[in-house]
Amino acid sequence: MLNFSILPRLSICLTTIYTFKILNSRTFKRSHFMAAYGTQINLFNLGTKLPDGILNIKLHKDDGTETSLKSILAELPRDCKGIVLFIYPMANTPGCTEQACDFRDHFAIIKNKGFLTYGISADTPESQTKWKNKHNLPYILLCDRNKELISALNCRLLILFTSRSHVIIDRSGTVLYIERGVSAGESRKNCVEFIDKL
């Protein structure tokens, strides 16, 4: 007799296997999606200077104004070394709120160490603003509606979802540190520990 209780687990397993086959296929690696940003997503290494294709990806701030990583880095104060960009799946959800509030509580500490904090997700500016006001978040939240930057940084899970991550980028656009699939409670902690070693 067929045990229907195992069907959801079987479906997840098959979806995972199929997704990894797609990601590792020659067709996918040679696709325009992989080539569009001037680098192969899976080959992101520390010390990589982000190409213009990634730096110029259009984003929106939580107030609705358009920006990009290139603009953000160009506008940094002279005494600022770079940015901490934490990536989260969805605003106003428990794990993302924990991550965001931890960065909120350590915003001044990170700033005093020479880095400005930014958050990013695929949420709308309206959703970001409501969440920001609700929790008194002192930093700018960026909106990547089509997950272009999130994808370029290889911070997607099973293609459809965003993997909780963080990246530290210096003012020249070089990736100093990136960690994907991190827990909400470890994200800020790991960033500060890395900055302390610089």
C-alpha atoms as a PDB file:
ATOM      1  CA  MET A   1       0.000   0.000   0.000  1.00  0.00           C
ATOM      2  CA  LEU A   2       1.295   3.457  -0.914  1.00  0.00           C
ATOM      3  CA  ASN A   3       2.133   5.586   2.101  1.00  0.00           C
ATOM      4  CA  PHE A   4       0.852   9.045   1.151  1.00  0.00           C
ATOM      5  CA  SER A   5       2.475  10.660   4.192  1.00  0.00           C
ATOM      6  CA  ILE A   6       5.889  10.478   2.522  1.00  0.00           C
ATOM      7  CA  LEU A   7       4.769  12.350  -0.606  1.00  0.00           C
ATOM      8  CA  PRO A   8       5.612  15.873   0.694  1.00  0.00           C
ATOM      9  CA  ARG A   9       9.128  14.773   1.699  1.00  0.00           C
ATOM     10  CA  LEU A  10       9.610  12.968  -1.596  1.00  0.00           C
ATOM     11  CA  SER A  11       8.511  16.071  -3.482  1.00  0.00           C
ATOM     12  CA  ILE A  12      11.038  18.256  -1.616  1.00  0.00           C
ATOM     13  CA  CYS A  13      13.853  15.765  -2.272  1.00  0.00           C
ATOM     14  CA  LEU A  14      13.067  15.557  -5.986  1.00  0.00           C
ATOM     15  CA  THR A  15      12.810  19.347  -6.275  1.00  0.00           C
ATOM     16  CA  THR A  16      16.197  19.772  -4.572  1.00  0.00           C
ATOM     17  CA  ILE A  17      17.877  17.197  -6.812  1.00  0.00           C
ATOM     18  CA  TYR A  18      16.334  18.715  -9.946  1.00  0.00           C
ATOM     19  CA  THR A  19      17.374  22.246  -8.937  1.00  0.00           C
ATOM     20  CA  PHE A  20      20.997  21.286  -8.342  1.00  0.00           C
ATOM     21  CA  LYS A  21      21.071  19.493 -11.695  1.00  0.00           C
ATOM     22  CA  ILE A  22      19.891  22.693 -13.373  1.00  0.00           C
ATOM     23  CA  LEU A  23      22.429  24.850 -11.526  1.00  0.00           C
ATOM     24  CA  ASN A  24      25.284  22.546 -12.494  1.00  0.00           C
ATOM     25  CA  SER A  25      24.213  21.968 -16.080  1.00  0.00           C
ATOM     26  CA  ARG A  26      26.326  23.285 -18.934  1.00  0.00           C
ATOM     27  CA  THR A  27      23.284  24.974 -20.430  1.00  0.00           C
ATOM     28  CA  PHE A  28      22.661  26.988 -17.269  1.00  0.00           C
ATOM     29  CA  LYS A  29      26.317  27.925 -16.799  1.00  0.00           C
ATOM     30  CA  ARG A  30      26.515  29.163 -20.373  1.00  0.00           C
ATOM     31  CA  SER A  31      23.208  30.992 -20.238  1.00  0.00           C
ATOM     32  CA  HIS A  32      22.719  34.766 -20.466  1.00  0.00           C
ATOM     33  CA  PHE A  33      21.667  34.677 -16.801  1.00  0.00           C
ATOM     34  CA  MET A  34      25.139  33.515 -15.799  1.00  0.00           C
ATOM     35  CA  ALA A  35      26.966  35.870 -18.157  1.00  0.00           C
ATOM     36  CA  ALA A  36      24.898  39.006 -17.648  1.00  0.00           C
ATOM     37  CA  TYR A  37      26.917  40.346 -14.714  1.00  0.00           C
ATOM     38  CA  GLY A  38      30.398  39.802 -16.122  1.00  0.00           C
ATOM     39  CA  THR A  39      31.209  36.918 -13.781  1.00  0.00           C
ATOM     40  CA  GLN A  40      30.055  33.390 -13.107  1.00  0.00           C
ATOM     41  CA  ILE A  41      27.901  33.365 -10.014  1.00  0.00           C
ATOM     42  CA  ASN A  42      29.335  30.155  -8.580  1.00  0.00           C
ATOM     43  CA  LEU A  43      32.908  31.437  -8.809  1.00  0.00           C
ATOM     44  CA  PHE A  44      32.566  34.339  -6.364  1.00  0.00           C
ATOM     45  CA  ASN A  45      35.718  34.523  -4.269  1.00  0.00           C
ATOM     46  CA  LEU A  46      36.829  36.802  -1.485  1.00  0.00           C
ATOM     47  CA  GLY A  47      38.916  39.618  -2.857  1.00  0.00           C
ATOM     48  CA  THR A  48      36.849  39.750  -6.052  1.00  0.00           C
ATOM     49  CA  LYS A  49      36.223  43.258  -7.329  1.00  0.00           C
ATOM     50  CA  LEU A  50      32.599  43.429  -8.355  1.00  0.00           C
ATOM     51  CA  PRO A  51      32.196  44.140 -12.078  1.00  0.00           C
ATOM     52  CA  ASP A  52      30.220  47.143 -13.283  1.00  0.00           C
ATOM     53  CA  GLY A  53      27.417  44.821 -14.329  1.00  0.00           C
ATOM     54  CA  ILE A  54      26.769  44.078 -10.663  1.00  0.00           C
ATOM     55  CA  LEU A  55      27.645  47.486  -9.230  1.00  0.00           C
ATOM     56  CA  ASN A  56      25.193  49.158 -11.619  1.00  0.00           C
ATOM     57  CA  ILE A  57      22.191  46.909 -10.909  1.00  0.00           C
ATOM     58  CA  LYS A  58      19.238  49.198 -10.212  1.00  0.00           C
ATOM     59  CA  LEU A  59      17.884  49.064  -6.681  1.00  0.00           C
ATOM     60  CA  HIS A  60      15.442  51.193  -4.726  1.00  0.00           C
ATOM     61  CA  LYS A  61      15.810  52.572  -1.234  1.00  0.00           C
ATOM     62  CA  ASP A  62      12.987  52.174   1.259  1.00  0.00           C
ATOM     63  CA  ASP A  63      11.900  55.742   0.422  1.00  0.00           C
ATOM     64  CA  GLY A  64      11.443  54.739  -3.226  1.00  0.00           C
ATOM     65  CA  THR A  65      14.461  56.559  -4.688  1.00  0.00           C
ATOM     66  CA  GLU A  66      16.607  54.687  -7.191  1.00  0.00           C
ATOM     67  CA  THR A  67      20.175  53.724  -6.360  1.00  0.00           C
ATOM     68  CA  SER A  68      22.856  51.092  -6.991  1.00  0.00           C
ATOM     69  CA  LEU A  69      25.857  49.662  -5.182  1.00  0.00           C
ATOM     70  CA  LYS A  70      28.068  51.931  -7.264  1.00  0.00           C
ATOM     71  CA  SER A  71      26.161  55.014  -6.096  1.00  0.00           C
ATOM     72  CA  ILE A  72      26.114  53.860  -2.482  1.00  0.00           C
ATOM     73  CA  LEU A  73      29.872  53.265  -2.432  1.00  0.00           C
ATOM     74  CA  ALA A  74      30.590  56.567  -4.187  1.00  0.00           C
ATOM     75  CA  GLU A  75      28.557  58.472  -1.595  1.00  0.00           C
ATOM     76  CA  LEU A  76      30.288  56.971   1.451  1.00  0.00           C
ATOM     77  CA  PRO A  77      31.900  59.440   3.862  1.00  0.00           C
ATOM     78  CA  ARG A  78      35.678  59.686   3.515  1.00  0.00           C
ATOM     79  CA  ASP A  79      36.288  57.971   6.830  1.00  0.00           C
ATOM     80  CA  CYS A  80      34.101  54.998   5.861  1.00  0.00           C
ATOM     81  CA  LYS A  81      35.834  51.794   4.744  1.00  0.00           C
ATOM     82  CA  GLY A  82      32.826  50.164   3.111  1.00  0.00           C
ATOM     83  CA  ILE A  83      29.421  48.633   3.741  1.00  0.00           C
ATOM     84  CA  VAL A  84      27.889  45.653   5.491  1.00  0.00           C
ATOM     85  CA  LEU A  85      24.991  44.386   3.388  1.00  0.00           C
ATOM     86  CA  PHE A  86      22.774  41.819   5.061  1.00  0.00           C
ATOM     87  CA  ILE A  87      20.371  39.880   2.874  1.00  0.00           C
ATOM     88  CA  TYR A  88      17.083  38.533   4.185  1.00  0.00           C
ATOM     89  CA  PRO A  89      14.159  36.599   2.657  1.00  0.00           C
ATOM     90  CA  MET A  90      11.171  38.731   3.673  1.00  0.00           C
ATOM     91  CA  ALA A  91      10.473  41.803   5.789  1.00  0.00           C
ATOM     92  CA  ASN A  92       8.320  41.515   8.894  1.00  0.00           C
ATOM     93  CA  THR A  93       8.897  37.795   9.423  1.00  0.00           C
ATOM     94  CA  PRO A  94      10.330  36.437  12.699  1.00  0.00           C
ATOM     95  CA  GLY A  95      13.801  35.398  11.517  1.00  0.00           C
ATOM     96  CA  CYS A  96      14.320  38.492   9.400  1.00  0.00           C
ATOM     97  CA  THR A  97      13.159  40.739  12.227  1.00  0.00           C
ATOM     98  CA  GLU A  98      15.646  39.071  14.571  1.00  0.00           C
ATOM     99  CA  GLN A  99      18.451  39.619  12.064  1.00  0.00           C
ATOM    100  CA  ALA A 100      17.465  43.227  11.352  1.00  0.00           C
ATOM    101  CA  CYS A 101      17.086  44.175  15.018  1.00  0.00           C
ATOM    102  CA  ASP A 102      20.478  42.669  15.831  1.00  0.00           C
ATOM    103  CA  PHE A 103      22.047  44.895  13.173  1.00  0.00           C
ATOM    104  CA  ARG A 104      19.989  47.795  14.560  1.00  0.00           C
ATOM    105  CA  ASP A 105      21.334  47.266  18.072  1.00  0.00           C
ATOM    106  CA  HIS A 106      24.918  47.180  16.767  1.00  0.00           C
ATOM    107  CA  PHE A 107      24.547  49.853  14.088  1.00  0.00           C
ATOM    108  CA  ALA A 108      26.670  52.418  15.959  1.00  0.00           C
ATOM    109  CA  ILE A 109      29.335  49.837  16.806  1.00  0.00           C
ATOM    110  CA  ILE A 110      29.674  48.788  13.165  1.00  0.00           C
ATOM    111  CA  LYS A 111      29.710  52.431  12.060  1.00  0.00           C
ATOM    112  CA  ASN A 112      32.463  53.251  14.551  1.00  0.00           C
ATOM    113  CA  LYS A 113      34.497  50.437  13.012  1.00  0.00           C
ATOM    114  CA  GLY A 114      34.227  52.176   9.633  1.00  0.00           C
ATOM    115  CA  PHE A 115      31.299  50.432   7.938  1.00  0.00           C
ATOM    116  CA  LEU A 116      27.733  51.478   7.161  1.00  0.00           C
ATOM    117  CA  THR A 117      24.968  48.893   7.405  1.00  0.00           C
ATOM    118  CA  TYR A 118      22.377  48.226   4.705  1.00  0.00           C
ATOM    119  CA  GLY A 119      19.692  45.566   4.439  1.00  0.00           C
ATOM    120  CA  ILE A 120      18.301  44.148   1.202  1.00  0.00           C
ATOM    121  CA  SER A 121      15.430  41.911   0.131  1.00  0.00           C
ATOM    122  CA  ALA A 122      12.945  41.571  -2.719  1.00  0.00           C
ATOM    123  CA  ASP A 123      10.232  43.407  -0.764  1.00  0.00           C
ATOM    124  CA  THR A 124       8.547  46.582  -2.009  1.00  0.00           C
ATOM    125  CA  PRO A 125       9.649  49.990  -0.695  1.00  0.00           C
ATOM    126  CA  GLU A 126       6.277  50.268   1.062  1.00  0.00           C
ATOM    127  CA  SER A 127       6.766  46.989   2.932  1.00  0.00           C
ATOM    128  CA  GLN A 128      10.321  47.941   3.843  1.00  0.00           C
ATOM    129  CA  THR A 129       9.243  51.343   5.164  1.00  0.00           C
ATOM    130  CA  LYS A 130       6.494  49.907   7.377  1.00  0.00           C
ATOM    131  CA  TRP A 131       8.878  47.327   8.804  1.00  0.00           C
ATOM    132  CA  LYS A 132      11.633  49.902   9.251  1.00  0.00           C
ATOM    133  CA  ASN A 133       9.346  52.261  11.166  1.00  0.00           C
ATOM    134  CA  LYS A 134       7.856  49.463  13.255  1.00  0.00           C
ATOM    135  CA  HIS A 135      11.265  48.404  14.575  1.00  0.00           C
ATOM    136  CA  ASN A 136      13.110  51.754  14.420  1.00  0.00           C
ATOM    137  CA  LEU A 137      15.758  50.476  12.038  1.00  0.00           C
ATOM    138  CA  PRO A 138      18.410  53.219  11.633  1.00  0.00           C
ATOM    139  CA  TYR A 139      19.844  52.076   8.304  1.00  0.00           C
ATOM    140  CA  ILE A 140      18.607  52.090   4.701  1.00  0.00           C
ATOM    141  CA  LEU A 141      16.728  49.056   3.418  1.00  0.00           C
ATOM    142  CA  LEU A 142      17.260  48.295  -0.255  1.00  0.00           C
ATOM    143  CA  CYS A 143      14.677  46.752  -2.570  1.00  0.00           C
ATOM    144  CA  ASP A 144      15.814  44.251  -5.203  1.00  0.00           C
ATOM    145  CA  ARG A 145      12.400  43.378  -6.630  1.00  0.00           C
ATOM    146  CA  ASN A 146      13.672  41.025  -9.341  1.00  0.00           C
ATOM    147  CA  LYS A 147      16.429  39.614  -7.124  1.00  0.00           C
ATOM    148  CA  GLU A 148      19.060  40.677  -9.656  1.00  0.00           C
ATOM    149  CA  LEU A 149      21.708  41.626  -7.110  1.00  0.00           C
ATOM    150  CA  ILE A 150      20.707  38.801  -4.780  1.00  0.00           C
ATOM    151  CA  SER A 151      21.146  36.371  -7.689  1.00  0.00           C
ATOM    152  CA  ALA A 152      24.430  37.936  -8.804  1.00  0.00           C
ATOM    153  CA  LEU A 153      25.814  37.395  -5.298  1.00  0.00           C
ATOM    154  CA  ASN A 154      24.622  33.772  -5.424  1.00  0.00           C
ATOM    155  CA  CYS A 155      22.331  34.303  -2.441  1.00  0.00           C
ATOM    156  CA  ARG A 156      19.318  32.413  -3.723  1.00  0.00           C
ATOM    157  CA  LEU A 157      17.947  29.138  -2.466  1.00  0.00           C
ATOM    158  CA  LEU A 158      16.368  26.647  -4.888  1.00  0.00           C
ATOM    159  CA  ILE A 159      16.159  29.457  -7.472  1.00  0.00           C
ATOM    160  CA  LEU A 160      12.883  30.846  -6.082  1.00  0.00           C
ATOM    161  CA  PHE A 161      13.912  31.872  -2.570  1.00  0.00           C
ATOM    162  CA  THR A 162      16.418  34.208  -0.934  1.00  0.00           C
ATOM    163  CA  SER A 163      19.092  32.669   1.262  1.00  0.00           C
ATOM    164  CA  ARG A 164      19.797  34.650   4.428  1.00  0.00           C
ATOM    165  CA  SER A 165      23.300  35.975   3.892  1.00  0.00           C
ATOM    166  CA  HIS A 166      25.628  38.921   4.356  1.00  0.00           C
ATOM    167  CA  VAL A 167      28.449  40.492   2.405  1.00  0.00           C
ATOM    168  CA  ILE A 168      31.044  43.087   3.360  1.00  0.00           C
ATOM    169  CA  ILE A 169      32.219  45.263   0.477  1.00  0.00           C
ATOM    170  CA  ASP A 170      34.963  47.883   0.673  1.00  0.00           C
ATOM    171  CA  ARG A 171      34.602  51.304  -0.909  1.00  0.00           C
ATOM    172  CA  SER A 172      36.394  50.138  -4.082  1.00  0.00           C
ATOM    173  CA  GLY A 173      33.734  47.470  -4.663  1.00  0.00           C
ATOM    174  CA  THR A 174      35.843  44.521  -3.534  1.00  0.00           C
ATOM    175  CA  VAL A 175      34.186  41.647  -1.674  1.00  0.00           C
ATOM    176  CA  LEU A 176      35.955  41.308   1.675  1.00  0.00           C
ATOM    177  CA  TYR A 177      33.636  38.723   3.188  1.00  0.00           C
ATOM    178  CA  ILE A 178      30.529  36.819   2.157  1.00  0.00           C
ATOM    179  CA  GLU A 179      28.554  34.174   3.999  1.00  0.00           C
ATOM    180  CA  ARG A 180      25.468  32.479   2.605  1.00  0.00           C
ATOM    181  CA  GLY A 181      22.817  30.443   4.391  1.00  0.00           C
ATOM    182  CA  VAL A 182      23.584  31.971   7.780  1.00  0.00           C
ATOM    183  CA  SER A 183      21.208  31.908  10.741  1.00  0.00           C
ATOM    184  CA  ALA A 184      19.471  35.079  11.908  1.00  0.00           C
ATOM    185  CA  GLY A 185      21.303  34.973  15.224  1.00  0.00           C
ATOM    186  CA  GLU A 186      24.762  34.530  13.688  1.00  0.00           C
ATOM    187  CA  SER A 187      24.656  37.087  10.866  1.00  0.00           C
ATOM    188  CA  ARG A 188      25.578  40.287  12.706  1.00  0.00           C
ATOM    189  CA  LYS A 189      27.901  38.456  15.095  1.00  0.00           C
ATOM    190  CA  ASN A 190      29.930  36.956  12.257  1.00  0.00           C
ATOM    191  CA  CYS A 191      30.177  40.308  10.472  1.00  0.00           C
ATOM    192  CA  VAL A 192      31.521  42.099  13.543  1.00  0.00           C
ATOM    193  CA  GLU A 193      33.990  39.301  14.249  1.00  0.00           C
ATOM    194  CA  PHE A 194      35.314  39.586  10.700  1.00  0.00           C
ATOM    195  CA  ILE A 195      35.595  43.388  10.843  1.00  0.00           C
ATOM    196  CA  ASP A 196      37.510  43.121  14.106  1.00  0.00           C
ATOM    197  CA  LYS A 197      40.151  41.036  12.314  1.00  0.00           C
ATOM    198  CA  LEU A 198      40.760  43.608   9.568  1.00  0.00           C
END
